[in-house]
Amino acid sequence: MTDYNTLLPGLMRREGIDMWVLISREYNEDPILKTMLPANWLSARRRTILVLFDPGEGKPIERLAVARYAVDTLFRKILG
């Protein structure tokens, strides 16, 4: 599983990435997306959009799912 709390913030800050958006469609997933999904998810669901946002100032990376559902406990949903 990706280490969202230590590895990812350091890499994003080192490379100057404030926001990372991963968009995939069911049966046509970005290979990186599969490393971000929970182990019990075999693929994207319809259209899966994950957002990793660095609010800066030592705050943790925000993990958001632009969807009607959360992605397990890893990404909280941000739409209805």
C-alpha atoms as a PDB file:
ATOM      1  CA  MET A   1       0.000   0.000   0.000  1.00  0.00           C
ATOM      2  CA  THR A   2       1.147   3.529  -0.721  1.00  0.00           C
ATOM      3  CA  ASP A   3       2.393   5.367   2.344  1.00  0.00           C
ATOM      4  CA  TYR A   4       0.149   8.422   2.163  1.00  0.00           C
ATOM      5  CA  ASN A   5       1.445   9.916   5.396  1.00  0.00           C
ATOM      6  CA  THR A   6       5.221   9.875   4.988  1.00  0.00           C
ATOM      7  CA  LEU A   7       6.483   8.897   1.540  1.00  0.00           C
ATOM      8  CA  LEU A   8       3.938  10.690  -0.637  1.00  0.00           C
ATOM      9  CA  PRO A   9       4.102  14.147   1.023  1.00  0.00           C
ATOM     10  CA  GLY A  10       7.894  14.170   0.778  1.00  0.00           C
ATOM     11  CA  LEU A  11       7.868  13.206  -2.888  1.00  0.00           C
ATOM     12  CA  MET A  12       5.149  15.695  -3.803  1.00  0.00           C
ATOM     13  CA  ARG A  13       6.896  18.553  -1.988  1.00  0.00           C
ATOM     14  CA  ARG A  14      10.309  17.678  -3.390  1.00  0.00           C
ATOM     15  CA  GLU A  15       8.942  17.732  -6.936  1.00  0.00           C
ATOM     16  CA  GLY A  16       6.766  20.821  -6.406  1.00  0.00           C
ATOM     17  CA  ILE A  17       3.451  19.006  -6.892  1.00  0.00           C
ATOM     18  CA  ASP A  18       0.567  20.642  -5.008  1.00  0.00           C
ATOM     19  CA  MET A  19      -2.197  18.498  -6.494  1.00  0.00           C
ATOM     20  CA  TRP A  20      -2.201  15.133  -8.212  1.00  0.00           C
ATOM     21  CA  VAL A  21      -5.340  14.018 -10.058  1.00  0.00           C
ATOM     22  CA  LEU A  22      -5.743  10.404 -11.202  1.00  0.00           C
ATOM     23  CA  ILE A  23      -8.628   9.694 -13.585  1.00  0.00           C
ATOM     24  CA  SER A  24      -9.503   6.229 -14.822  1.00  0.00           C
ATOM     25  CA  ARG A  25     -12.416   4.441 -16.383  1.00  0.00           C
ATOM     26  CA  GLU A  26     -13.543   0.929 -15.646  1.00  0.00           C
ATOM     27  CA  TYR A  27     -11.596  -1.577 -17.793  1.00  0.00           C
ATOM     28  CA  ASN A  28      -9.138   1.152 -18.861  1.00  0.00           C
ATOM     29  CA  GLU A  29      -7.295   1.958 -15.650  1.00  0.00           C
ATOM     30  CA  ASP A  30      -4.143   3.977 -15.328  1.00  0.00           C
ATOM     31  CA  PRO A  31      -1.515   1.552 -13.941  1.00  0.00           C
ATOM     32  CA  ILE A  32      -0.778   3.996 -11.108  1.00  0.00           C
ATOM     33  CA  LEU A  33      -4.429   3.976 -10.038  1.00  0.00           C
ATOM     34  CA  LYS A  34      -4.234   0.292  -9.165  1.00  0.00           C
ATOM     35  CA  THR A  35      -1.505   1.071  -6.630  1.00  0.00           C
ATOM     36  CA  MET A  36      -3.792   3.647  -4.977  1.00  0.00           C
ATOM     37  CA  LEU A  37      -6.898   1.452  -4.661  1.00  0.00           C
ATOM     38  CA  PRO A  38      -7.614  -0.846  -1.726  1.00  0.00           C
ATOM     39  CA  ALA A  39      -6.554  -4.459  -2.259  1.00  0.00           C
ATOM     40  CA  ASN A  40     -10.166  -5.657  -2.434  1.00  0.00           C
ATOM     41  CA  TRP A  41     -10.923  -3.341  -5.401  1.00  0.00           C
ATOM     42  CA  LEU A  42      -9.917  -5.121  -8.591  1.00  0.00           C
ATOM     43  CA  SER A  43     -10.505  -2.139 -10.885  1.00  0.00           C
ATOM     44  CA  ALA A  44     -11.873   1.365 -11.170  1.00  0.00           C
ATOM     45  CA  ARG A  45     -15.614   1.810 -10.705  1.00  0.00           C
ATOM     46  CA  ARG A  46     -17.173   3.391 -13.790  1.00  0.00           C
ATOM     47  CA  ARG A  47     -15.127   6.577 -13.705  1.00  0.00           C
ATOM     48  CA  THR A  48     -12.823   6.865 -10.721  1.00  0.00           C
ATOM     49  CA  ILE A  49     -11.208  10.218  -9.951  1.00  0.00           C
ATOM     50  CA  LEU A  50      -8.767  10.438  -7.075  1.00  0.00           C
ATOM     51  CA  VAL A  51      -7.263  13.712  -5.895  1.00  0.00           C
ATOM     52  CA  LEU A  52      -4.223  14.090  -3.666  1.00  0.00           C
ATOM     53  CA  PHE A  53      -3.850  17.651  -2.415  1.00  0.00           C
ATOM     54  CA  ASP A  54      -1.012  19.127  -0.370  1.00  0.00           C
ATOM     55  CA  PRO A  55      -2.402  21.999   1.754  1.00  0.00           C
ATOM     56  CA  GLY A  56       1.166  22.848   2.799  1.00  0.00           C
ATOM     57  CA  GLU A  57       2.526  24.043   6.133  1.00  0.00           C
ATOM     58  CA  GLY A  58       3.190  20.514   7.375  1.00  0.00           C
ATOM     59  CA  LYS A  59      -0.461  19.471   7.087  1.00  0.00           C
ATOM     60  CA  PRO A  60      -1.181  15.933   5.863  1.00  0.00           C
ATOM     61  CA  ILE A  61      -1.990  15.211   2.235  1.00  0.00           C
ATOM     62  CA  GLU A  62      -5.749  15.345   1.612  1.00  0.00           C
ATOM     63  CA  ARG A  63      -7.057  12.249  -0.181  1.00  0.00           C
ATOM     64  CA  LEU A  64     -10.336  12.815  -2.009  1.00  0.00           C
ATOM     65  CA  ALA A  65     -12.557  10.781  -4.323  1.00  0.00           C
ATOM     66  CA  VAL A  66     -14.597  12.804  -6.807  1.00  0.00           C
ATOM     67  CA  ALA A  67     -17.481  10.363  -6.661  1.00  0.00           C
ATOM     68  CA  ARG A  68     -20.707   9.428  -4.912  1.00  0.00           C
ATOM     69  CA  TYR A  69     -18.767   6.970  -2.777  1.00  0.00           C
ATOM     70  CA  ALA A  70     -15.633   6.892  -0.700  1.00  0.00           C
ATOM     71  CA  VAL A  71     -12.777   4.657  -1.768  1.00  0.00           C
ATOM     72  CA  ASP A  72     -12.609   2.440   1.290  1.00  0.00           C
ATOM     73  CA  THR A  73     -11.103   4.515   4.116  1.00  0.00           C
ATOM     74  CA  LEU A  74      -8.277   5.796   1.900  1.00  0.00           C
ATOM     75  CA  PHE A  75     -10.112   8.542  -0.030  1.00  0.00           C
ATOM     76  CA  ARG A  76     -13.173  10.382   1.292  1.00  0.00           C
ATOM     77  CA  LYS A  77     -15.926  11.313  -1.147  1.00  0.00           C
ATOM     78  CA  ILE A  78     -16.409  14.964  -2.010  1.00  0.00           C
ATOM     79  CA  LEU A  79     -19.630  14.801  -4.063  1.00  0.00           C
ATOM     80  CA  GLY A  80     -23.268  14.113  -3.080  1.00  0.00           C
END
